[in-house]
Amino acid sequence: MSIQHDRGKRHELRTAAALGLTRTGNTGRATADAAGRWLVVECKSRRVLPKWLLHGVAQAEASAGPSQLPVCVVHQEGQRAGRDLVVMTRDQFVAWHGELHPEADAAGAE
């Protein structure tokens, strides 16, 4: 198993645990890396993220009031606005949505 594969697996496990999801892992099919009742996550890890993206998230955080969710919306020229990406930190996501628990997810699916 490659170091990059191990790093990706650890990222998926951390993300799933933090968001109260189940890691689905590499199934050989096109599936999400982690999923729950209402949330599906694809995990990507890079050694360095683009500075402009980090700056956009930081600007949103600096501008947000205590009851506002800071997000950075990224648009690709020539694409429909509905395909824009909404970027926020995982900590902000959890703070806004509250702690997610797998037990609650399983109970809600019944």
C-alpha atoms as a PDB file:
ATOM      1  CA  MET A   1       0.000   0.000   0.000  1.00  0.00           C
ATOM      2  CA  SER A   2       1.427   3.403  -0.945  1.00  0.00           C
ATOM      3  CA  ILE A   3       2.109   6.238   1.476  1.00  0.00           C
ATOM      4  CA  GLN A   4      -0.307   8.415  -0.501  1.00  0.00           C
ATOM      5  CA  HIS A   5      -3.046   5.757  -0.204  1.00  0.00           C
ATOM      6  CA  ASP A   6      -2.464   5.492   3.561  1.00  0.00           C
ATOM      7  CA  ARG A   7      -2.606   9.285   3.904  1.00  0.00           C
ATOM      8  CA  GLY A   8      -5.882   9.393   1.958  1.00  0.00           C
ATOM      9  CA  LYS A   9      -7.380   6.609   4.084  1.00  0.00           C
ATOM     10  CA  ARG A  10      -6.447   8.451   7.307  1.00  0.00           C
ATOM     11  CA  HIS A  11      -8.040  11.636   5.920  1.00  0.00           C
ATOM     12  CA  GLU A  12     -11.249   9.730   5.115  1.00  0.00           C
ATOM     13  CA  LEU A  13     -11.342   8.149   8.595  1.00  0.00           C
ATOM     14  CA  ARG A  14     -10.755  11.506  10.360  1.00  0.00           C
ATOM     15  CA  THR A  15     -13.402  13.220   8.259  1.00  0.00           C
ATOM     16  CA  ALA A  16     -15.983  10.484   8.753  1.00  0.00           C
ATOM     17  CA  ALA A  17     -15.380  10.451  12.521  1.00  0.00           C
ATOM     18  CA  ALA A  18     -15.552  14.245  12.820  1.00  0.00           C
ATOM     19  CA  LEU A  19     -18.836  14.414  10.919  1.00  0.00           C
ATOM     20  CA  GLY A  20     -20.426  11.307  12.440  1.00  0.00           C
ATOM     21  CA  LEU A  21     -20.443   9.453   9.127  1.00  0.00           C
ATOM     22  CA  THR A  22     -19.484   5.974   8.009  1.00  0.00           C
ATOM     23  CA  ARG A  23     -16.345   5.635   5.912  1.00  0.00           C
ATOM     24  CA  THR A  24     -17.221   3.605   2.841  1.00  0.00           C
ATOM     25  CA  GLY A  25     -13.624   3.294   1.649  1.00  0.00           C
ATOM     26  CA  ASN A  26     -12.457   2.025  -1.699  1.00  0.00           C
ATOM     27  CA  THR A  27     -15.125  -0.364  -2.935  1.00  0.00           C
ATOM     28  CA  GLY A  28     -13.981  -0.491  -6.552  1.00  0.00           C
ATOM     29  CA  ARG A  29     -17.164   1.351  -7.523  1.00  0.00           C
ATOM     30  CA  ALA A  30     -17.915   5.048  -7.819  1.00  0.00           C
ATOM     31  CA  THR A  31     -19.046   5.663  -4.234  1.00  0.00           C
ATOM     32  CA  ALA A  32     -18.518   8.457  -1.726  1.00  0.00           C
ATOM     33  CA  ASP A  33     -15.647   8.246   0.750  1.00  0.00           C
ATOM     34  CA  ALA A  34     -17.989   8.805   3.705  1.00  0.00           C
ATOM     35  CA  ALA A  35     -21.757   8.916   4.019  1.00  0.00           C
ATOM     36  CA  GLY A  36     -24.655   9.249   6.409  1.00  0.00           C
ATOM     37  CA  ARG A  37     -28.395   9.685   6.178  1.00  0.00           C
ATOM     38  CA  TRP A  38     -28.296  13.218   4.726  1.00  0.00           C
ATOM     39  CA  LEU A  39     -24.628  13.862   3.952  1.00  0.00           C
ATOM     40  CA  VAL A  40     -22.246  12.375   1.391  1.00  0.00           C
ATOM     41  CA  VAL A  41     -18.561  13.343   1.425  1.00  0.00           C
ATOM     42  CA  GLU A  42     -15.813  12.949  -1.143  1.00  0.00           C
ATOM     43  CA  CYS A  43     -12.430  13.503   0.531  1.00  0.00           C
ATOM     44  CA  LYS A  44      -9.537  15.144  -1.300  1.00  0.00           C
ATOM     45  CA  SER A  45      -6.152  15.825   0.231  1.00  0.00           C
ATOM     46  CA  ARG A  46      -3.356  17.926  -1.216  1.00  0.00           C
ATOM     47  CA  ARG A  47       0.027  18.798   0.235  1.00  0.00           C
ATOM     48  CA  VAL A  48      -0.676  22.514  -0.369  1.00  0.00           C
ATOM     49  CA  LEU A  49      -4.024  24.183  -1.080  1.00  0.00           C
ATOM     50  CA  PRO A  50      -4.160  27.225  -3.383  1.00  0.00           C
ATOM     51  CA  LYS A  51      -3.415  30.400  -1.431  1.00  0.00           C
ATOM     52  CA  TRP A  52      -6.243  32.272  -3.174  1.00  0.00           C
ATOM     53  CA  LEU A  53      -8.729  29.673  -1.923  1.00  0.00           C
ATOM     54  CA  LEU A  54      -7.442  29.819   1.651  1.00  0.00           C
ATOM     55  CA  HIS A  55      -7.503  33.622   1.452  1.00  0.00           C
ATOM     56  CA  GLY A  56     -11.144  33.564   0.269  1.00  0.00           C
ATOM     57  CA  VAL A  57     -12.174  31.359   3.196  1.00  0.00           C
ATOM     58  CA  ALA A  58     -10.240  33.588   5.612  1.00  0.00           C
ATOM     59  CA  GLN A  59     -11.959  36.698   4.186  1.00  0.00           C
ATOM     60  CA  ALA A  60     -15.373  35.108   4.685  1.00  0.00           C
ATOM     61  CA  GLU A  61     -14.486  34.166   8.269  1.00  0.00           C
ATOM     62  CA  ALA A  62     -13.231  37.681   9.023  1.00  0.00           C
ATOM     63  CA  SER A  63     -16.422  39.234   7.627  1.00  0.00           C
ATOM     64  CA  ALA A  64     -18.916  36.884   9.301  1.00  0.00           C
ATOM     65  CA  GLY A  65     -20.830  37.947  12.367  1.00  0.00           C
ATOM     66  CA  PRO A  66     -21.465  35.576  15.277  1.00  0.00           C
ATOM     67  CA  SER A  67     -24.688  34.236  13.751  1.00  0.00           C
ATOM     68  CA  GLN A  68     -23.418  33.996  10.159  1.00  0.00           C
ATOM     69  CA  LEU A  69     -21.890  31.012   8.349  1.00  0.00           C
ATOM     70  CA  PRO A  70     -18.715  32.011   6.465  1.00  0.00           C
ATOM     71  CA  VAL A  71     -18.396  30.416   3.026  1.00  0.00           C
ATOM     72  CA  CYS A  72     -16.325  31.138  -0.054  1.00  0.00           C
ATOM     73  CA  VAL A  73     -18.168  30.599  -3.350  1.00  0.00           C
ATOM     74  CA  VAL A  74     -15.832  29.670  -6.224  1.00  0.00           C
ATOM     75  CA  HIS A  75     -16.991  30.161  -9.798  1.00  0.00           C
ATOM     76  CA  GLN A  76     -15.382  28.786 -12.964  1.00  0.00           C
ATOM     77  CA  GLU A  77     -15.744  31.222 -15.853  1.00  0.00           C
ATOM     78  CA  GLY A  78     -17.966  29.908 -18.603  1.00  0.00           C
ATOM     79  CA  GLN A  79     -19.837  27.543 -16.274  1.00  0.00           C
ATOM     80  CA  ARG A  80     -23.360  27.876 -14.895  1.00  0.00           C
ATOM     81  CA  ALA A  81     -23.521  29.518 -11.473  1.00  0.00           C
ATOM     82  CA  GLY A  82     -25.361  26.481 -10.117  1.00  0.00           C
ATOM     83  CA  ARG A  83     -22.100  24.524 -10.498  1.00  0.00           C
ATOM     84  CA  ASP A  84     -20.164  26.948  -8.265  1.00  0.00           C
ATOM     85  CA  LEU A  85     -18.388  25.415  -5.297  1.00  0.00           C
ATOM     86  CA  VAL A  86     -19.226  26.425  -1.725  1.00  0.00           C
ATOM     87  CA  VAL A  87     -16.133  26.134   0.475  1.00  0.00           C
ATOM     88  CA  MET A  88     -15.937  26.370   4.261  1.00  0.00           C
ATOM     89  CA  THR A  89     -13.810  24.881   7.005  1.00  0.00           C
ATOM     90  CA  ARG A  90     -14.858  21.612   8.590  1.00  0.00           C
ATOM     91  CA  ASP A  91     -14.897  23.330  11.990  1.00  0.00           C
ATOM     92  CA  GLN A  92     -17.351  25.948  10.674  1.00  0.00           C
ATOM     93  CA  PHE A  93     -19.530  23.224   9.152  1.00  0.00           C
ATOM     94  CA  VAL A  94     -19.697  21.321  12.460  1.00  0.00           C
ATOM     95  CA  ALA A  95     -20.266  24.531  14.447  1.00  0.00           C
ATOM     96  CA  TRP A  96     -23.181  25.468  12.189  1.00  0.00           C
ATOM     97  CA  HIS A  97     -24.794  22.031  11.915  1.00  0.00           C
ATOM     98  CA  GLY A  98     -23.919  20.762  15.387  1.00  0.00           C
ATOM     99  CA  GLU A  99     -22.305  17.475  16.256  1.00  0.00           C
ATOM    100  CA  LEU A 100     -23.467  14.692  14.000  1.00  0.00           C
ATOM    101  CA  HIS A 101     -23.724  11.214  15.484  1.00  0.00           C
ATOM    102  CA  PRO A 102     -23.885   7.892  13.606  1.00  0.00           C
ATOM    103  CA  GLU A 103     -26.457   6.566  16.103  1.00  0.00           C
ATOM    104  CA  ALA A 104     -28.828   9.418  15.253  1.00  0.00           C
ATOM    105  CA  ASP A 105     -28.196   8.804  11.566  1.00  0.00           C
ATOM    106  CA  ALA A 106     -29.094   5.114  11.888  1.00  0.00           C
ATOM    107  CA  ALA A 107     -32.194   5.853  13.987  1.00  0.00           C
ATOM    108  CA  GLY A 108     -33.400   8.446  11.478  1.00  0.00           C
ATOM    109  CA  ALA A 109     -33.103   5.984   8.603  1.00  0.00           C
ATOM    110  CA  GLU A 110     -35.593   3.575  10.114  1.00  0.00           C
END
